[in-house]
Amino acid sequence: MKKVFKQSACKMIKVFVCALFMSMGIFAFKGLDVKAANASFEVDLSGGKTFFISNETVQCVEQELPITDSSKKAGAAAYLAEVYLGDNDYDIGATVFSKDPFQGAAMVKSGSNGYSFIAAAGSVGTGKYTISKDTLKSYYKKEYNTTDKLSEKSALGKMKKIEKIINGTEGNGTSVFTVIIKYTADPLTVDTASGSPKTSYTVGTSFEQSGHLYTINSAAGSVAFTGTRSTALQVLLHLQVPDQQQRR
């Protein structure tokens, strides 16, 4: 009797353990299903470089069709950034992402096959522009002056369609896509992840100004004096010596 009871108890434990693992598997699968598919795309416009965006890419974005070619996804992201994340400045013919420091880009027709994405004159540093439900919500509020609830609904619907364009399948609207545009080698980055532009500087970068050497020692942009060019030092000493003799 004890043996039968023991075997029954073991079977019950096994059934319980199996059920537990199955439920964990189901929750894990659901967790994977709702996980955001984030991605980052880089576009280099420094030194007069251009970035080509094909007509096919533009059509996919406008018609909300999936893009299967991985090399064209960066073009789609850059196009989406221009449409939703910047302000059109018709006087300079470009989309302005940041005014201080200035960062802007424009799409110009390139033959019959597409467009060239170019930096606006005077753009500096690197920009990190975030396409997300939150940034799209800000766009809808500003563009259409709608309520929080309507802006949230519009942003969620649009983000699901953007996920379909870039990921190939419609998601739940929680993905975050980052478009990184390099304008110049200047050690500053403008980041719009929070919705409002935030400028930071690359710590450790050295530069020269008026013959003096400096190094950036904080993301806020504070600098440390690290030295002086030898030629500038000789001139400085030459100018100081007569002053000291006159004081005697």
Protein backbone atom coordinates (compact mmCIF):
# COMPACT_ATOMS: atom_id res chain seq x y z
CA MET A 1 0.00 0.00 0.00
CA LYS A 2 2.80 2.37 0.91
CA LYS A 3 4.56 1.51 -2.36
CA VAL A 4 1.42 2.25 -4.40
CA PHE A 5 0.93 5.56 -2.57
CA LYS A 6 4.57 6.50 -3.15
CA GLN A 7 4.33 5.79 -6.90
CA SER A 8 1.09 7.82 -7.15
CA ALA A 9 2.71 10.70 -5.31
CA CYS A 10 5.70 10.65 -7.68
CA LYS A 11 3.36 10.67 -10.69
CA MET A 12 1.49 13.65 -9.26
CA ILE A 13 4.76 15.52 -8.71
CA LYS A 14 5.87 14.77 -12.27
CA VAL A 15 2.55 16.00 -13.67
CA PHE A 16 2.80 19.17 -11.57
CA VAL A 17 6.39 19.82 -12.64
CA CYS A 18 5.53 19.23 -16.31
CA ALA A 19 2.55 21.56 -16.07
CA LEU A 20 4.76 24.18 -14.40
CA PHE A 21 7.39 24.01 -17.13
CA MET A 22 4.74 24.12 -19.84
CA SER A 23 3.18 27.24 -18.32
CA MET A 24 6.62 28.81 -18.00
CA GLY A 25 7.24 28.01 -21.63
CA ILE A 26 3.97 29.61 -22.66
CA PHE A 27 4.75 32.78 -20.69
CA ALA A 28 8.27 32.84 -22.09
CA PHE A 29 6.87 32.53 -25.61
CA LYS A 30 4.44 35.34 -24.94
CA GLY A 31 7.30 37.38 -23.54
CA LEU A 32 9.23 36.91 -26.77
CA ASP A 33 6.15 37.88 -28.73
CA VAL A 34 5.82 41.26 -27.03
CA LYS A 35 9.53 42.07 -26.90
CA ALA A 36 10.37 45.20 -28.89
CA ALA A 37 12.51 44.71 -31.99
CA ASN A 38 14.90 47.65 -31.79
CA ALA A 39 17.46 48.58 -34.44
CA SER A 40 19.98 51.30 -35.22
CA PHE A 41 20.86 52.63 -38.69
CA GLU A 42 23.86 54.80 -39.59
CA VAL A 43 24.08 57.37 -42.38
CA ASP A 44 27.36 59.18 -43.09
CA LEU A 45 26.95 62.62 -44.67
CA SER A 46 30.32 63.99 -43.52
CA GLY A 47 32.75 65.53 -45.98
CA GLY A 48 30.09 66.12 -48.61
CA LYS A 49 29.04 62.46 -48.79
CA THR A 50 25.53 61.60 -49.96
CA PHE A 51 23.26 58.70 -49.07
CA PHE A 52 21.08 57.24 -51.83
CA ILE A 53 17.44 56.39 -51.16
CA SER A 54 15.71 54.52 -53.97
CA ASN A 55 12.22 55.20 -55.30
CA GLU A 56 11.33 51.65 -54.26
CA THR A 57 12.28 52.42 -50.64
CA VAL A 58 10.20 55.62 -50.61
CA GLN A 59 7.22 53.78 -52.12
CA CYS A 60 7.48 51.04 -49.50
CA VAL A 61 7.43 53.63 -46.72
CA GLU A 62 4.51 55.55 -48.20
CA GLN A 63 2.49 52.42 -48.95
CA GLU A 64 3.52 50.77 -45.66
CA LEU A 65 5.00 47.69 -47.31
CA PRO A 66 7.77 45.53 -45.81
CA ILE A 67 11.33 46.15 -47.02
CA THR A 68 13.17 42.87 -47.52
CA ASP A 69 16.53 44.28 -48.66
CA SER A 70 18.57 45.00 -45.50
CA SER A 71 20.67 47.61 -47.31
CA LYS A 72 17.53 49.66 -47.99
CA LYS A 73 16.27 49.64 -44.40
CA ALA A 74 18.68 52.42 -43.43
CA GLY A 75 17.24 54.51 -46.26
CA ALA A 76 13.73 53.84 -44.99
CA ALA A 77 14.74 54.85 -41.47
CA ALA A 78 16.39 58.06 -42.73
CA TYR A 79 13.29 58.90 -44.78
CA LEU A 80 11.03 58.28 -41.78
CA ALA A 81 13.26 60.50 -39.63
CA GLU A 82 12.94 63.34 -42.13
CA VAL A 83 9.15 62.95 -42.29
CA TYR A 84 8.39 62.64 -38.57
CA LEU A 85 11.31 63.93 -36.50
CA GLY A 86 12.40 67.22 -38.04
CA ASP A 87 10.95 70.61 -38.99
CA ASN A 88 10.77 71.65 -42.64
CA ASP A 89 12.59 74.89 -43.33
CA TYR A 90 11.53 75.96 -46.80
CA ASP A 91 13.95 78.91 -46.79
CA ILE A 92 16.95 76.57 -46.82
CA GLY A 93 15.18 73.62 -48.46
CA ALA A 94 16.03 71.16 -45.69
CA THR A 95 14.62 69.39 -42.66
CA VAL A 96 16.10 70.80 -39.45
CA PHE A 97 16.58 68.32 -36.61
CA SER A 98 18.37 70.69 -34.23
CA LYS A 99 18.88 74.46 -34.29
CA ASP A 100 21.59 74.77 -31.64
CA PRO A 101 23.89 73.11 -32.57
CA PHE A 102 22.59 73.16 -36.12
CA GLN A 103 21.81 69.83 -37.78
CA GLY A 104 19.76 69.43 -40.91
CA ALA A 105 19.44 67.30 -44.04
CA ALA A 106 17.59 67.31 -47.33
CA MET A 107 16.45 64.82 -49.93
CA VAL A 108 17.14 65.92 -53.51
CA LYS A 109 16.09 64.09 -56.65
CA SER A 110 18.90 61.91 -57.98
CA GLY A 111 18.26 60.86 -61.57
CA SER A 112 15.12 58.81 -62.15
CA ASN A 113 15.86 56.07 -59.60
CA GLY A 114 15.61 57.91 -56.31
CA TYR A 115 16.91 60.63 -54.03
CA SER A 116 20.19 61.69 -52.46
CA PHE A 117 20.15 62.46 -48.76
CA ILE A 118 22.58 65.34 -48.11
CA ALA A 119 23.65 67.42 -45.12
CA ALA A 120 22.38 70.98 -44.87
CA ALA A 121 25.13 73.60 -44.97
CA GLY A 122 26.50 74.39 -41.52
CA SER A 123 25.48 71.08 -39.92
CA VAL A 124 27.92 69.86 -37.27
CA GLY A 125 28.58 66.76 -35.20
CA THR A 126 26.44 63.63 -35.12
CA GLY A 127 22.70 63.30 -34.62
CA LYS A 128 20.83 60.42 -32.98
CA TYR A 129 17.18 60.59 -33.92
CA THR A 130 14.75 58.17 -32.29
CA ILE A 131 11.65 56.82 -34.02
CA SER A 132 9.35 55.48 -31.33
CA LYS A 133 5.75 55.67 -30.16
CA ASP A 134 6.69 58.56 -27.86
CA THR A 135 8.42 60.65 -30.52
CA LEU A 136 5.57 60.01 -32.95
CA LYS A 137 3.10 61.07 -30.27
CA SER A 138 4.95 64.39 -29.97
CA TYR A 139 4.75 64.76 -33.76
CA TYR A 140 0.97 64.22 -33.87
CA LYS A 141 0.37 66.60 -30.96
CA LYS A 142 2.41 69.35 -32.59
CA GLU A 143 1.28 68.77 -36.18
CA TYR A 144 -2.45 68.30 -35.57
CA ASN A 145 -2.92 69.84 -32.11
CA THR A 146 -4.74 66.74 -30.87
CA THR A 147 -5.35 65.46 -27.34
CA ASP A 148 -2.96 63.10 -25.56
CA LYS A 149 -5.36 60.20 -26.07
CA LEU A 150 -5.76 60.75 -29.82
CA SER A 151 -2.04 61.41 -30.29
CA GLU A 152 -1.23 58.20 -28.41
CA LYS A 153 -3.64 56.20 -30.56
CA SER A 154 -2.30 57.66 -33.82
CA ALA A 155 1.32 57.12 -32.75
CA LEU A 156 0.67 53.50 -31.75
CA GLY A 157 -1.02 52.71 -35.05
CA LYS A 158 1.74 54.37 -37.09
CA MET A 159 4.50 52.66 -35.09
CA LYS A 160 2.98 49.25 -35.80
CA LYS A 161 3.08 50.04 -39.52
CA ILE A 162 6.68 51.25 -39.27
CA GLU A 163 7.58 47.97 -37.57
CA LYS A 164 6.03 46.15 -40.52
CA ILE A 165 8.11 48.23 -42.97
CA ILE A 166 11.45 47.67 -41.20
CA ASN A 167 10.99 44.30 -39.44
CA GLY A 168 8.80 42.66 -42.07
CA THR A 169 5.94 41.96 -39.67
CA GLU A 170 3.65 44.26 -37.73
CA GLY A 171 4.56 44.41 -34.05
CA ASN A 172 2.88 45.88 -31.00
CA GLY A 173 4.21 49.40 -31.48
CA THR A 174 6.90 49.30 -28.78
CA SER A 175 9.98 49.12 -31.02
CA VAL A 176 12.57 51.88 -30.98
CA PHE A 177 14.51 52.65 -34.16
CA THR A 178 17.51 54.99 -34.02
CA VAL A 179 18.83 56.87 -37.03
CA ILE A 180 22.42 58.05 -36.56
CA ILE A 181 23.49 60.75 -39.03
CA LYS A 182 27.10 61.91 -39.09
CA TYR A 183 27.52 65.44 -40.42
CA THR A 184 31.10 66.26 -39.38
CA ALA A 185 33.85 64.84 -37.17
CA ASP A 186 33.07 67.39 -34.43
CA PRO A 187 32.93 65.63 -31.02
CA LEU A 188 29.30 66.51 -30.26
CA THR A 189 26.15 64.43 -30.47
CA VAL A 190 22.54 65.58 -30.46
CA ASP A 191 20.23 62.89 -29.08
CA THR A 192 16.43 63.04 -29.37
CA ALA A 193 15.70 59.85 -27.42
CA SER A 194 13.86 61.85 -24.77
CA GLY A 195 11.83 63.73 -27.37
CA SER A 196 13.70 67.03 -26.93
CA PRO A 197 17.24 67.46 -28.32
CA LYS A 198 20.03 66.87 -25.80
CA THR A 199 23.63 67.71 -26.68
CA SER A 200 26.60 65.76 -25.34
CA TYR A 201 30.32 65.80 -26.11
CA THR A 202 32.76 62.93 -26.64
CA VAL A 203 34.90 62.69 -23.50
CA GLY A 204 38.64 62.38 -24.19
CA THR A 205 38.58 64.21 -27.53
CA SER A 206 41.45 66.71 -27.93
CA PHE A 207 41.46 69.86 -30.03
CA GLU A 208 43.53 72.98 -30.63
CA GLN A 209 42.41 76.57 -30.45
CA SER A 210 44.63 79.66 -30.85
CA GLY A 211 47.73 77.53 -30.35
CA HIS A 212 46.51 75.99 -27.09
CA LEU A 213 45.59 72.31 -26.63
CA TYR A 214 42.44 71.21 -24.79
CA THR A 215 40.73 67.92 -23.95
CA ILE A 216 37.01 67.44 -23.38
CA ASN A 217 36.60 65.94 -19.90
CA SER A 218 32.82 65.73 -19.51
CA ALA A 219 29.75 65.00 -21.63
CA ALA A 220 28.49 68.48 -20.70
CA GLY A 221 31.36 69.98 -22.71
CA SER A 222 33.78 71.20 -20.03
CA VAL A 223 37.41 71.19 -21.17
CA ALA A 224 40.83 70.89 -19.58
CA PHE A 225 43.90 72.77 -20.75
CA THR A 226 46.55 70.19 -21.72
CA GLY A 227 49.36 72.18 -23.30
CA THR A 228 50.57 74.81 -25.71
CA ARG A 229 52.22 74.53 -29.09
CA SER A 230 55.97 75.12 -28.79
CA THR A 231 55.98 77.89 -31.40
CA ALA A 232 53.22 79.74 -29.55
CA LEU A 233 55.11 79.32 -26.26
CA GLN A 234 58.29 80.87 -27.73
CA VAL A 235 56.37 83.89 -28.94
CA LEU A 236 54.67 84.23 -25.56
CA LEU A 237 57.99 84.14 -23.67
CA HIS A 238 59.56 86.59 -26.09
CA LEU A 239 56.76 89.07 -25.37
CA GLN A 240 56.93 88.63 -21.62
CA VAL A 241 60.69 89.15 -21.15
CA PRO A 242 60.75 92.90 -22.08
CA ASP A 243 57.85 93.55 -19.68
CA GLN A 244 59.77 91.98 -16.81
CA GLN A 245 62.93 94.04 -17.63
CA GLN A 246 60.90 97.25 -17.69
CA ARG A 247 59.50 96.55 -14.22
CA ARG A 248 63.07 96.39 -12.83
